[in-house]
mmCIF file of all heavy atoms, coordinates in Angstrom:
data_MODEL
# 
_entry.id   MODEL 
# 
loop_
_atom_site.group_PDB 
_atom_site.id 
_atom_site.type_symbol 
_atom_site.label_atom_id 
_atom_site.label_alt_id 
_atom_site.label_comp_id 
_atom_site.label_asym_id 
_atom_site.label_entity_id 
_atom_site.label_seq_id 
_atom_site.pdbx_PDB_ins_code 
_atom_site.Cartn_x 
_atom_site.Cartn_y 
_atom_site.Cartn_z 
_atom_site.occupancy 
_atom_site.B_iso_or_equiv 
_atom_site.pdbx_formal_charge 
_atom_site.auth_seq_id 
_atom_site.auth_comp_id 
_atom_site.auth_asym_id 
_atom_site.auth_atom_id 
_atom_site.pdbx_PDB_model_num 
ATOM 1   N N   . TYR A 1 1  ? -185.884 -159.677 143.822 1.00 0.00 ? 1  TYR A N   1 
ATOM 2   C CA  . TYR A 1 1  ? -185.466 -158.293 143.644 1.00 0.00 ? 1  TYR A CA  1 
ATOM 3   C C   . TYR A 1 1  ? -185.853 -157.784 142.268 1.00 0.00 ? 1  TYR A C   1 
ATOM 4   O O   . TYR A 1 1  ? -186.128 -156.612 142.099 1.00 0.00 ? 1  TYR A O   1 
ATOM 5   C CB  . TYR A 1 1  ? -183.949 -158.163 143.805 1.00 0.00 ? 1  TYR A CB  1 
ATOM 6   C CG  . TYR A 1 1  ? -183.491 -158.164 145.250 1.00 0.00 ? 1  TYR A CG  1 
ATOM 7   C CD1 . TYR A 1 1  ? -182.648 -159.144 145.715 1.00 0.00 ? 1  TYR A CD1 1 
ATOM 8   C CD2 . TYR A 1 1  ? -183.896 -157.163 146.113 1.00 0.00 ? 1  TYR A CD2 1 
ATOM 9   C CE1 . TYR A 1 1  ? -182.220 -159.147 147.025 1.00 0.00 ? 1  TYR A CE1 1 
ATOM 10  C CE2 . TYR A 1 1  ? -183.468 -157.164 147.421 1.00 0.00 ? 1  TYR A CE2 1 
ATOM 11  C CZ  . TYR A 1 1  ? -182.630 -158.153 147.878 1.00 0.00 ? 1  TYR A CZ  1 
ATOM 12  O OH  . TYR A 1 1  ? -182.212 -158.142 149.161 1.00 0.00 ? 1  TYR A OH  1 
ATOM 13  N N   . GLY A 1 2  ? -185.782 -158.612 141.269 1.00 0.00 ? 2  GLY A N   1 
ATOM 14  C CA  . GLY A 1 2  ? -186.055 -158.158 139.909 1.00 0.00 ? 2  GLY A CA  1 
ATOM 15  C C   . GLY A 1 2  ? -184.821 -157.527 139.312 1.00 0.00 ? 2  GLY A C   1 
ATOM 16  O O   . GLY A 1 2  ? -183.695 -157.961 139.546 1.00 0.00 ? 2  GLY A O   1 
ATOM 17  N N   . ALA A 1 3  ? -185.004 -156.455 138.549 1.00 0.00 ? 3  ALA A N   1 
ATOM 18  C CA  . ALA A 1 3  ? -183.891 -155.813 137.852 1.00 0.00 ? 3  ALA A CA  1 
ATOM 19  C C   . ALA A 1 3  ? -183.060 -154.955 138.782 1.00 0.00 ? 3  ALA A C   1 
ATOM 20  O O   . ALA A 1 3  ? -181.915 -154.634 138.479 1.00 0.00 ? 3  ALA A O   1 
ATOM 21  C CB  . ALA A 1 3  ? -184.408 -154.971 136.698 1.00 0.00 ? 3  ALA A CB  1 
ATOM 22  N N   . LEU A 1 4  ? -183.604 -154.535 139.926 1.00 0.00 ? 4  LEU A N   1 
ATOM 23  C CA  . LEU A 1 4  ? -182.891 -153.614 140.809 1.00 0.00 ? 4  LEU A CA  1 
ATOM 24  C C   . LEU A 1 4  ? -182.402 -154.344 142.066 1.00 0.00 ? 4  LEU A C   1 
ATOM 25  O O   . LEU A 1 4  ? -182.806 -154.054 143.177 1.00 0.00 ? 4  LEU A O   1 
ATOM 26  C CB  . LEU A 1 4  ? -183.804 -152.450 141.201 1.00 0.00 ? 4  LEU A CB  1 
ATOM 27  C CG  . LEU A 1 4  ? -184.367 -151.665 140.012 1.00 0.00 ? 4  LEU A CG  1 
ATOM 28  C CD1 . LEU A 1 4  ? -185.394 -150.662 140.488 1.00 0.00 ? 4  LEU A CD1 1 
ATOM 29  C CD2 . LEU A 1 4  ? -183.243 -150.973 139.278 1.00 0.00 ? 4  LEU A CD2 1 
ATOM 30  N N   . ALA A 1 5  ? -181.507 -155.288 141.871 1.00 0.00 ? 5  ALA A N   1 
ATOM 31  C CA  . ALA A 1 5  ? -180.938 -156.011 142.997 1.00 0.00 ? 5  ALA A CA  1 
ATOM 32  C C   . ALA A 1 5  ? -180.010 -155.092 143.769 1.00 0.00 ? 5  ALA A C   1 
ATOM 33  O O   . ALA A 1 5  ? -179.421 -154.163 143.207 1.00 0.00 ? 5  ALA A O   1 
ATOM 34  C CB  . ALA A 1 5  ? -180.168 -157.223 142.504 1.00 0.00 ? 5  ALA A CB  1 
ATOM 35  N N   . PRO A 1 6  ? -179.853 -155.305 145.084 1.00 0.00 ? 6  PRO A N   1 
ATOM 36  C CA  . PRO A 1 6  ? -178.987 -154.413 145.861 1.00 0.00 ? 6  PRO A CA  1 
ATOM 37  C C   . PRO A 1 6  ? -177.524 -154.603 145.476 1.00 0.00 ? 6  PRO A C   1 
ATOM 38  O O   . PRO A 1 6  ? -177.103 -155.679 145.093 1.00 0.00 ? 6  PRO A O   1 
ATOM 39  C CB  . PRO A 1 6  ? -179.248 -154.840 147.303 1.00 0.00 ? 6  PRO A CB  1 
ATOM 40  C CG  . PRO A 1 6  ? -179.701 -156.245 147.208 1.00 0.00 ? 6  PRO A CG  1 
ATOM 41  C CD  . PRO A 1 6  ? -180.459 -156.349 145.911 1.00 0.00 ? 6  PRO A CD  1 
ATOM 42  N N   . PHE A 1 7  ? -176.787 -153.498 145.594 1.00 0.00 ? 7  PHE A N   1 
ATOM 43  C CA  . PHE A 1 7  ? -175.365 -153.516 145.253 1.00 0.00 ? 7  PHE A CA  1 
ATOM 44  C C   . PHE A 1 7  ? -174.595 -154.179 146.389 1.00 0.00 ? 7  PHE A C   1 
ATOM 45  O O   . PHE A 1 7  ? -174.783 -153.846 147.551 1.00 0.00 ? 7  PHE A O   1 
ATOM 46  C CB  . PHE A 1 7  ? -174.874 -152.080 145.040 1.00 0.00 ? 7  PHE A CB  1 
ATOM 47  C CG  . PHE A 1 7  ? -173.395 -151.986 144.879 1.00 0.00 ? 7  PHE A CG  1 
ATOM 48  C CD1 . PHE A 1 7  ? -172.787 -152.434 143.716 1.00 0.00 ? 7  PHE A CD1 1 
ATOM 49  C CD2 . PHE A 1 7  ? -172.593 -151.474 145.884 1.00 0.00 ? 7  PHE A CD2 1 
ATOM 50  C CE1 . PHE A 1 7  ? -171.417 -152.357 143.567 1.00 0.00 ? 7  PHE A CE1 1 
ATOM 51  C CE2 . PHE A 1 7  ? -171.233 -151.392 145.739 1.00 0.00 ? 7  PHE A CE2 1 
ATOM 52  C CZ  . PHE A 1 7  ? -170.643 -151.837 144.574 1.00 0.00 ? 7  PHE A CZ  1 
ATOM 53  N N   . LYS A 1 8  ? -173.728 -155.109 146.017 1.00 0.00 ? 8  LYS A N   1 
ATOM 54  C CA  . LYS A 1 8  ? -172.894 -155.762 147.024 1.00 0.00 ? 8  LYS A CA  1 
ATOM 55  C C   . LYS A 1 8  ? -171.458 -155.335 146.756 1.00 0.00 ? 8  LYS A C   1 
ATOM 56  O O   . LYS A 1 8  ? -170.865 -155.740 145.763 1.00 0.00 ? 8  LYS A O   1 
ATOM 57  C CB  . LYS A 1 8  ? -173.025 -157.278 146.923 1.00 0.00 ? 8  LYS A CB  1 
ATOM 58  C CG  . LYS A 1 8  ? -172.239 -158.020 147.989 1.00 0.00 ? 8  LYS A CG  1 
ATOM 59  C CD  . LYS A 1 8  ? -172.472 -159.502 147.904 1.00 0.00 ? 8  LYS A CD  1 
ATOM 60  C CE  . LYS A 1 8  ? -171.677 -160.207 148.985 1.00 0.00 ? 8  LYS A CE  1 
ATOM 61  N NZ  . LYS A 1 8  ? -171.778 -161.654 148.876 1.00 0.00 ? 8  LYS A NZ  1 
ATOM 62  N N   . PRO A 1 9  ? -170.898 -154.492 147.623 1.00 0.00 ? 9  PRO A N   1 
ATOM 63  C CA  . PRO A 1 9  ? -169.528 -154.030 147.355 1.00 0.00 ? 9  PRO A CA  1 
ATOM 64  C C   . PRO A 1 9  ? -168.527 -155.173 147.497 1.00 0.00 ? 9  PRO A C   1 
ATOM 65  O O   . PRO A 1 9  ? -168.711 -156.080 148.299 1.00 0.00 ? 9  PRO A O   1 
ATOM 66  C CB  . PRO A 1 9  ? -169.304 -152.954 148.409 1.00 0.00 ? 9  PRO A CB  1 
ATOM 67  C CG  . PRO A 1 9  ? -170.234 -153.305 149.503 1.00 0.00 ? 9  PRO A CG  1 
ATOM 68  C CD  . PRO A 1 9  ? -171.433 -153.961 148.859 1.00 0.00 ? 9  PRO A CD  1 
ATOM 69  N N   . SER A 1 10 ? -167.499 -155.106 146.697 1.00 0.00 ? 10 SER A N   1 
ATOM 70  C CA  . SER A 1 10 ? -166.446 -156.127 146.774 1.00 0.00 ? 10 SER A CA  1 
ATOM 71  C C   . SER A 1 10 ? -165.565 -155.859 147.985 1.00 0.00 ? 10 SER A C   1 
ATOM 72  O O   . SER A 1 10 ? -165.549 -154.754 148.528 1.00 0.00 ? 10 SER A O   1 
ATOM 73  C CB  . SER A 1 10 ? -165.614 -156.119 145.499 1.00 0.00 ? 10 SER A CB  1 
ATOM 74  O OG  . SER A 1 10 ? -165.007 -154.855 145.340 1.00 0.00 ? 10 SER A OG  1 
ATOM 75  N N   . GLU A 1 11 ? -164.851 -156.857 148.378 1.00 0.00 ? 11 GLU A N   1 
ATOM 76  C CA  . GLU A 1 11 ? -163.960 -156.707 149.519 1.00 0.00 ? 11 GLU A CA  1 
ATOM 77  C C   . GLU A 1 11 ? -162.799 -155.795 149.144 1.00 0.00 ? 11 GLU A C   1 
ATOM 78  O O   . GLU A 1 11 ? -162.384 -155.754 147.983 1.00 0.00 ? 11 GLU A O   1 
ATOM 79  C CB  . GLU A 1 11 ? -163.427 -158.072 149.937 1.00 0.00 ? 11 GLU A CB  1 
ATOM 80  C CG  . GLU A 1 11 ? -164.487 -158.995 150.472 1.00 0.00 ? 11 GLU A CG  1 
ATOM 81  C CD  . GLU A 1 11 ? -163.914 -160.314 150.941 1.00 0.00 ? 11 GLU A CD  1 
ATOM 82  O OE1 . GLU A 1 11 ? -162.681 -160.414 151.085 1.00 0.00 ? 11 GLU A OE1 1 
ATOM 83  O OE2 . GLU A 1 11 ? -164.707 -161.241 151.158 1.00 0.00 ? 11 GLU A OE2 1 
ATOM 84  N N   . PRO A 1 12 ? -162.284 -155.022 150.113 1.00 0.00 ? 12 PRO A N   1 
ATOM 85  C CA  . PRO A 1 12 ? -161.183 -154.114 149.775 1.00 0.00 ? 12 PRO A CA  1 
ATOM 86  C C   . PRO A 1 12 ? -159.949 -154.899 149.301 1.00 0.00 ? 12 PRO A C   1 
ATOM 87  O O   . PRO A 1 12 ? -159.618 -155.941 149.846 1.00 0.00 ? 12 PRO A O   1 
ATOM 88  C CB  . PRO A 1 12 ? -160.901 -153.363 151.077 1.00 0.00 ? 12 PRO A CB  1 
ATOM 89  C CG  . PRO A 1 12 ? -161.614 -154.098 152.145 1.00 0.00 ? 12 PRO A CG  1 
ATOM 90  C CD  . PRO A 1 12 ? -162.684 -154.909 151.499 1.00 0.00 ? 12 PRO A CD  1 
ATOM 91  N N   . SER A 1 13 ? -159.310 -154.359 148.284 1.00 0.00 ? 13 SER A N   1 
ATOM 92  C CA  . SER A 1 13 ? -158.159 -155.060 147.708 1.00 0.00 ? 13 SER A CA  1 
ATOM 93  C C   . SER A 1 13 ? -156.886 -154.747 148.482 1.00 0.00 ? 13 SER A C   1 
ATOM 94  O O   . SER A 1 13 ? -156.888 -153.988 149.452 1.00 0.00 ? 13 SER A O   1 
ATOM 95  C CB  . SER A 1 13 ? -158.006 -154.660 146.244 1.00 0.00 ? 13 SER A CB  1 
ATOM 96  O OG  . SER A 1 13 ? -157.770 -153.277 146.157 1.00 0.00 ? 13 SER A OG  1 
ATOM 97  N N   . ALA A 1 14 ? -155.778 -155.299 148.015 1.00 0.00 ? 14 ALA A N   1 
ATOM 98  C CA  . ALA A 1 14 ? -154.517 -155.166 148.740 1.00 0.00 ? 14 ALA A CA  1 
ATOM 99  C C   . ALA A 1 14 ? -153.961 -153.757 148.663 1.00 0.00 ? 14 ALA A C   1 
ATOM 100 O O   . ALA A 1 14 ? -153.206 -153.336 149.539 1.00 0.00 ? 14 ALA A O   1 
ATOM 101 C CB  . ALA A 1 14 ? -153.501 -156.142 148.179 1.00 0.00 ? 14 ALA A CB  1 
ATOM 102 N N   . ASN A 1 15 ? -154.313 -152.996 147.634 1.00 0.00 ? 15 ASN A N   1 
ATOM 103 C CA  . ASN A 1 15 ? -153.748 -151.645 147.539 1.00 0.00 ? 15 ASN A CA  1 
ATOM 104 C C   . ASN A 1 15 ? -154.429 -150.661 148.480 1.00 0.00 ? 15 ASN A C   1 
ATOM 105 O O   . ASN A 1 15 ? -153.991 -149.529 148.611 1.00 0.00 ? 15 ASN A O   1 
ATOM 106 C CB  . ASN A 1 15 ? -153.816 -151.132 146.100 1.00 0.00 ? 15 ASN A CB  1 
ATOM 107 C CG  . ASN A 1 15 ? -155.241 -150.971 145.606 1.00 0.00 ? 15 ASN A CG  1 
ATOM 108 O OD1 . ASN A 1 15 ? -156.175 -151.368 146.303 1.00 0.00 ? 15 ASN A OD1 1 
ATOM 109 N ND2 . ASN A 1 15 ? -155.390 -150.413 144.428 1.00 0.00 ? 15 ASN A ND2 1 
ATOM 110 N N   . MET A 1 16 ? -155.489 -151.082 149.167 1.00 0.00 ? 16 MET A N   1 
ATOM 111 C CA  . MET A 1 16 ? -156.157 -150.192 150.119 1.00 0.00 ? 16 MET A CA  1 
ATOM 112 C C   . MET A 1 16 ? -155.291 -149.926 151.340 1.00 0.00 ? 16 MET A C   1 
ATOM 113 O O   . MET A 1 16 ? -155.507 -148.951 152.049 1.00 0.00 ? 16 MET A O   1 
ATOM 114 C CB  . MET A 1 16 ? -157.494 -150.819 150.573 1.00 0.00 ? 16 MET A CB  1 
ATOM 115 C CG  . MET A 1 16 ? -158.536 -150.873 149.482 1.00 0.00 ? 16 MET A CG  1 
ATOM 116 S SD  . MET A 1 16 ? -159.095 -149.246 148.995 1.00 0.00 ? 16 MET A SD  1 
ATOM 117 C CE  . MET A 1 16 ? -160.041 -148.779 150.411 1.00 0.00 ? 16 MET A CE  1 
ATOM 118 N N   . ARG A 1 17 ? -154.320 -150.761 151.591 1.00 0.00 ? 17 ARG A N   1 
ATOM 119 C CA  . ARG A 1 17 ? -153.493 -150.561 152.770 1.00 0.00 ? 17 ARG A CA  1 
ATOM 120 C C   . ARG A 1 17 ? -152.600 -149.329 152.637 1.00 0.00 ? 17 ARG A C   1 
ATOM 121 O O   . ARG A 1 17 ? -152.050 -148.850 153.606 1.00 0.00 ? 17 ARG A O   1 
ATOM 122 C CB  . ARG A 1 17 ? -152.664 -151.803 153.050 1.00 0.00 ? 17 ARG A CB  1 
ATOM 123 C CG  . ARG A 1 17 ? -151.612 -152.092 152.026 1.00 0.00 ? 17 ARG A CG  1 
ATOM 124 C CD  . ARG A 1 17 ? -150.762 -153.268 152.465 1.00 0.00 ? 17 ARG A CD  1 
ATOM 125 N NE  . ARG A 1 17 ? -149.816 -153.606 151.417 1.00 0.00 ? 17 ARG A NE  1 
ATOM 126 C CZ  . ARG A 1 17 ? -149.899 -154.668 150.647 1.00 0.00 ? 17 ARG A CZ  1 
ATOM 127 N NH1 . ARG A 1 17 ? -150.890 -155.505 150.803 1.00 0.00 ? 17 ARG A NH1 1 
ATOM 128 N NH2 . ARG A 1 17 ? -149.009 -154.894 149.721 1.00 0.00 ? 17 ARG A NH2 1 
ATOM 129 N N   . HIS A 1 18 ? -152.454 -148.813 151.428 1.00 0.00 ? 18 HIS A N   1 
ATOM 130 C CA  . HIS A 1 18 ? -151.620 -147.627 151.220 1.00 0.00 ? 18 HIS A CA  1 
ATOM 131 C C   . HIS A 1 18 ? -152.413 -146.325 151.385 1.00 0.00 ? 18 HIS A C   1 
ATOM 132 O O   . HIS A 1 18 ? -151.815 -145.264 151.430 1.00 0.00 ? 18 HIS A O   1 
ATOM 133 C CB  . HIS A 1 18 ? -150.996 -147.673 149.824 1.00 0.00 ? 18 HIS A CB  1 
ATOM 134 C CG  . HIS A 1 18 ? -150.158 -148.880 149.581 1.00 0.00 ? 18 HIS A CG  1 
ATOM 135 N ND1 . HIS A 1 18 ? -148.980 -149.136 150.261 1.00 0.00 ? 18 HIS A ND1 1 
ATOM 136 C CD2 . HIS A 1 18 ? -150.333 -149.944 148.751 1.00 0.00 ? 18 HIS A CD2 1 
ATOM 137 C CE1 . HIS A 1 18 ? -148.457 -150.265 149.847 1.00 0.00 ? 18 HIS A CE1 1 
ATOM 138 N NE2 . HIS A 1 18 ? -149.270 -150.801 148.933 1.00 0.00 ? 18 HIS A NE2 1 
ATOM 139 N N   . LEU A 1 19 ? -153.725 -146.436 151.447 1.00 0.00 ? 19 LEU A N   1 
ATOM 140 C CA  . LEU A 1 19 ? -154.555 -145.232 151.559 1.00 0.00 ? 19 LEU A CA  1 
ATOM 141 C C   . LEU A 1 19 ? -154.878 -144.953 153.026 1.00 0.00 ? 19 LEU A C   1 
ATOM 142 O O   . LEU A 1 19 ? -155.181 -145.863 153.794 1.00 0.00 ? 19 LEU A O   1 
ATOM 143 C CB  . LEU A 1 19 ? -155.848 -145.415 150.768 1.00 0.00 ? 19 LEU A CB  1 
ATOM 144 C CG  . LEU A 1 19 ? -155.661 -145.699 149.268 1.00 0.00 ? 19 LEU A CG  1 
ATOM 145 C CD1 . LEU A 1 19 ? -157.008 -145.955 148.620 1.00 0.00 ? 19 LEU A CD1 1 
ATOM 146 C CD2 . LEU A 1 19 ? -154.974 -144.534 148.588 1.00 0.00 ? 19 LEU A CD2 1 
ATOM 147 N N   . ARG A 1 20 ? -154.830 -143.686 153.398 1.00 0.00 ? 20 ARG A N   1 
ATOM 148 C CA  . ARG A 1 20 ? -155.173 -143.303 154.765 1.00 0.00 ? 20 ARG A CA  1 
ATOM 149 C C   . ARG A 1 20 ? -156.661 -143.012 154.846 1.00 0.00 ? 20 ARG A C   1 
ATOM 150 O O   . ARG A 1 20 ? -157.261 -142.525 153.897 1.00 0.00 ? 20 ARG A O   1 
ATOM 151 C CB  . ARG A 1 20 ? -154.420 -142.038 155.167 1.00 0.00 ? 20 ARG A CB  1 
ATOM 152 C CG  . ARG A 1 20 ? -152.965 -142.236 155.354 1.00 0.00 ? 20 ARG A CG  1 
ATOM 153 C CD  . ARG A 1 20 ? -152.369 -140.983 155.960 1.00 0.00 ? 20 ARG A CD  1 
ATOM 154 N NE  . ARG A 1 20 ? -150.954 -140.935 155.638 1.00 0.00 ? 20 ARG A NE  1 
ATOM 155 C CZ  . ARG A 1 20 ? -150.257 -139.843 155.489 1.00 0.00 ? 20 ARG A CZ  1 
ATOM 156 N NH1 . ARG A 1 20 ? -150.857 -138.674 155.628 1.00 0.00 ? 20 ARG A NH1 1 
ATOM 157 N NH2 . ARG A 1 20 ? -148.991 -139.888 155.224 1.00 0.00 ? 20 ARG A NH2 1 
ATOM 158 N N   . LYS A 1 21 ? -157.206 -143.306 155.982 1.00 0.00 ? 21 LYS A N   1 
ATOM 159 C CA  . LYS A 1 21 ? -158.604 -142.984 156.183 1.00 0.00 ? 21 LYS A CA  1 
ATOM 160 C C   . LYS A 1 21 ? -158.706 -141.468 156.396 1.00 0.00 ? 21 LYS A C   1 
ATOM 161 O O   . LYS A 1 21 ? -157.844 -140.872 157.054 1.00 0.00 ? 21 LYS A O   1 
ATOM 162 C CB  . LYS A 1 21 ? -159.162 -143.713 157.401 1.00 0.00 ? 21 LYS A CB  1 
ATOM 163 C CG  . LYS A 1 21 ? -159.274 -145.205 157.159 1.00 0.00 ? 21 LYS A CG  1 
ATOM 164 C CD  . LYS A 1 21 ? -159.938 -145.864 158.351 1.00 0.00 ? 21 LYS A CD  1 
ATOM 165 C CE  . LYS A 1 21 ? -160.038 -147.352 158.082 1.00 0.00 ? 21 LYS A CE  1 
ATOM 166 N NZ  . LYS A 1 21 ? -160.662 -148.046 159.196 1.00 0.00 ? 21 LYS A NZ  1 
ATOM 167 N N   . PRO A 1 22 ? -159.717 -140.865 155.818 1.00 0.00 ? 22 PRO A N   1 
ATOM 168 C CA  . PRO A 1 22 ? -159.827 -139.397 155.980 1.00 0.00 ? 22 PRO A CA  1 
ATOM 169 C C   . PRO A 1 22 ? -160.136 -139.025 157.434 1.00 0.00 ? 22 PRO A C   1 
ATOM 170 O O   . PRO A 1 22 ? -160.850 -139.728 158.140 1.00 0.00 ? 22 PRO A O   1 
ATOM 171 C CB  . PRO A 1 22 ? -160.963 -139.029 155.054 1.00 0.00 ? 22 PRO A CB  1 
ATOM 172 C CG  . PRO A 1 22 ? -161.766 -140.261 154.890 1.00 0.00 ? 22 PRO A CG  1 
ATOM 173 C CD  . PRO A 1 22 ? -160.786 -141.401 155.035 1.00 0.00 ? 22 PRO A CD  1 
ATOM 174 N N   . ILE A 1 23 ? -159.544 -137.932 157.827 1.00 0.00 ? 23 ILE A N   1 
ATOM 175 C CA  . ILE A 1 23 ? -159.804 -137.409 159.185 1.00 0.00 ? 23 ILE A CA  1 
ATOM 176 C C   . ILE A 1 23 ? -160.960 -136.418 159.070 1.00 0.00 ? 23 ILE A C   1 
ATOM 177 O O   . ILE A 1 23 ? -160.883 -135.400 158.355 1.00 0.00 ? 23 ILE A O   1 
ATOM 178 C CB  . ILE A 1 23 ? -158.547 -136.699 159.739 1.00 0.00 ? 23 ILE A CB  1 
ATOM 179 C CG1 . ILE A 1 23 ? -157.385 -137.698 159.808 1.00 0.00 ? 23 ILE A CG1 1 
ATOM 180 C CG2 . ILE A 1 23 ? -158.845 -136.101 161.099 1.00 0.00 ? 23 ILE A CG2 1 
ATOM 181 C CD1 . ILE A 1 23 ? -156.061 -137.049 160.143 1.00 0.00 ? 23 ILE A CD1 1 
ATOM 182 N N   . VAL A 1 24 ? -162.036 -136.748 159.736 1.00 0.00 ? 24 VAL A N   1 
ATOM 183 C CA  . VAL A 1 24 ? -163.235 -135.905 159.668 1.00 0.00 ? 24 VAL A CA  1 
ATOM 184 C C   . VAL A 1 24 ? -163.051 -134.743 160.652 1.00 0.00 ? 24 VAL A C   1 
ATOM 185 O O   . VAL A 1 24 ? -162.871 -134.954 161.859 1.00 0.00 ? 24 VAL A O   1 
ATOM 186 C CB  . VAL A 1 24 ? -164.485 -136.718 159.999 1.00 0.00 ? 24 VAL A CB  1 
ATOM 187 C CG1 . VAL A 1 24 ? -165.733 -135.820 159.926 1.00 0.00 ? 24 VAL A CG1 1 
ATOM 188 C CG2 . VAL A 1 24 ? -164.610 -137.901 159.067 1.00 0.00 ? 24 VAL A CG2 1 
ATOM 189 N N   . LYS A 1 25 ? -163.090 -133.532 160.109 1.00 0.00 ? 25 LYS A N   1 
ATOM 190 C CA  . LYS A 1 25 ? -162.933 -132.363 160.973 1.00 0.00 ? 25 LYS A CA  1 
ATOM 191 C C   . LYS A 1 25 ? -164.295 -132.029 161.612 1.00 0.00 ? 25 LYS A C   1 
ATOM 192 O O   . LYS A 1 25 ? -165.313 -132.079 160.954 1.00 0.00 ? 25 LYS A O   1 
ATOM 193 C CB  . LYS A 1 25 ? -162.454 -131.162 160.163 1.00 0.00 ? 25 LYS A CB  1 
ATOM 194 C CG  . LYS A 1 25 ? -161.060 -131.361 159.626 1.00 0.00 ? 25 LYS A CG  1 
ATOM 195 C CD  . LYS A 1 25 ? -160.612 -130.144 158.854 1.00 0.00 ? 25 LYS A CD  1 
ATOM 196 C CE  . LYS A 1 25 ? -159.220 -130.360 158.293 1.00 0.00 ? 25 LYS A CE  1 
ATOM 197 N NZ  . LYS A 1 25 ? -158.791 -129.221 157.479 1.00 0.00 ? 25 LYS A NZ  1 
ATOM 198 N N   . PRO A 1 26 ? -164.244 -131.714 162.877 1.00 0.00 ? 26 PRO A N   1 
ATOM 199 C CA  . PRO A 1 26 ? -165.537 -131.364 163.512 1.00 0.00 ? 26 PRO A CA  1 
ATOM 200 C C   . PRO A 1 26 ? -166.065 -130.045 162.957 1.00 0.00 ? 26 PRO A C   1 
ATOM 201 O O   . PRO A 1 26 ? -165.300 -129.137 162.603 1.00 0.00 ? 26 PRO A O   1 
ATOM 202 C CB  . PRO A 1 26 ? -165.198 -131.260 164.977 1.00 0.00 ? 26 PRO A CB  1 
ATOM 203 C CG  . PRO A 1 26 ? -163.724 -131.054 165.026 1.00 0.00 ? 26 PRO A CG  1 
ATOM 204 C CD  . PRO A 1 26 ? -163.153 -131.680 163.786 1.00 0.00 ? 26 PRO A CD  1 
ATOM 205 N N   . ILE A 1 27 ? -167.371 -129.980 162.861 1.00 0.00 ? 27 ILE A N   1 
ATOM 206 C CA  . ILE A 1 27 ? -167.999 -128.778 162.348 1.00 0.00 ? 27 ILE A CA  1 
ATOM 207 C C   . ILE A 1 27 ? -168.178 -127.786 163.510 1.00 0.00 ? 27 ILE A C   1 
ATOM 208 O O   . ILE A 1 27 ? -168.757 -128.111 164.535 1.00 0.00 ? 27 ILE A O   1 
ATOM 209 C CB  . ILE A 1 27 ? -169.360 -129.107 161.713 1.00 0.00 ? 27 ILE A CB  1 
ATOM 210 C CG1 . ILE A 1 27 ? -169.153 -130.090 160.575 1.00 0.00 ? 27 ILE A CG1 1 
ATOM 211 C CG2 . ILE A 1 27 ? -170.069 -127.861 161.237 1.00 0.00 ? 27 ILE A CG2 1 
ATOM 212 C CD1 . ILE A 1 27 ? -170.430 -130.633 159.990 1.00 0.00 ? 27 ILE A CD1 1 
ATOM 213 N N   . GLU A 1 28 ? -167.656 -126.585 163.300 1.00 0.00 ? 28 GLU A N   1 
ATOM 214 C CA  . GLU A 1 28 ? -167.757 -125.565 164.344 1.00 0.00 ? 28 GLU A CA  1 
ATOM 215 C C   . GLU A 1 28 ? -168.874 -124.609 163.953 1.00 0.00 ? 28 GLU A C   1 
ATOM 216 O O   . GLU A 1 28 ? -168.912 -124.060 162.860 1.00 0.00 ? 28 GLU A O   1 
ATOM 217 C CB  . GLU A 1 28 ? -166.433 -124.803 164.456 1.00 0.00 ? 28 GLU A CB  1 
ATOM 218 C CG  . GLU A 1 28 ? -165.329 -125.661 164.960 1.00 0.00 ? 28 GLU A CG  1 
ATOM 219 C CD  . GLU A 1 28 ? -164.018 -124.899 165.045 1.00 0.00 ? 28 GLU A CD  1 
ATOM 220 O OE1 . GLU A 1 28 ? -164.020 -123.658 164.964 1.00 0.00 ? 28 GLU A OE1 1 
ATOM 221 O OE2 . GLU A 1 28 ? -162.972 -125.561 165.197 1.00 0.00 ? 28 GLU A OE2 1 
ATOM 222 N N   . ILE A 1 29 ? -169.727 -124.389 164.899 1.00 0.00 ? 29 ILE A N   1 
ATOM 223 C CA  . ILE A 1 29 ? -170.843 -123.471 164.646 1.00 0.00 ? 29 ILE A CA  1 
ATOM 224 C C   . ILE A 1 29 ? -170.628 -122.178 165.365 1.00 0.00 ? 29 ILE A C   1 
ATOM 225 O O   . ILE A 1 29 ? -170.250 -122.035 166.462 1.00 0.00 ? 29 ILE A O   1 
ATOM 226 C CB  . ILE A 1 29 ? -172.183 -124.109 165.050 1.00 0.00 ? 29 ILE A CB  1 
ATOM 227 C CG1 . ILE A 1 29 ? -172.384 -125.369 164.268 1.00 0.00 ? 29 ILE A CG1 1 
ATOM 228 C CG2 . ILE A 1 29 ? -173.302 -123.130 164.840 1.00 0.00 ? 29 ILE A CG2 1 
ATOM 229 C CD1 . ILE A 1 29 ? -173.643 -126.094 164.586 1.00 0.00 ? 29 ILE A CD1 1 
# 
């Protein structure tokens, strides 16, 4: 890869259980 190795996200921590997943509103045309 060289200097630009791909980003590897860390696993979600324990405080993620308190956050709600966003509700995606449908786009109305």
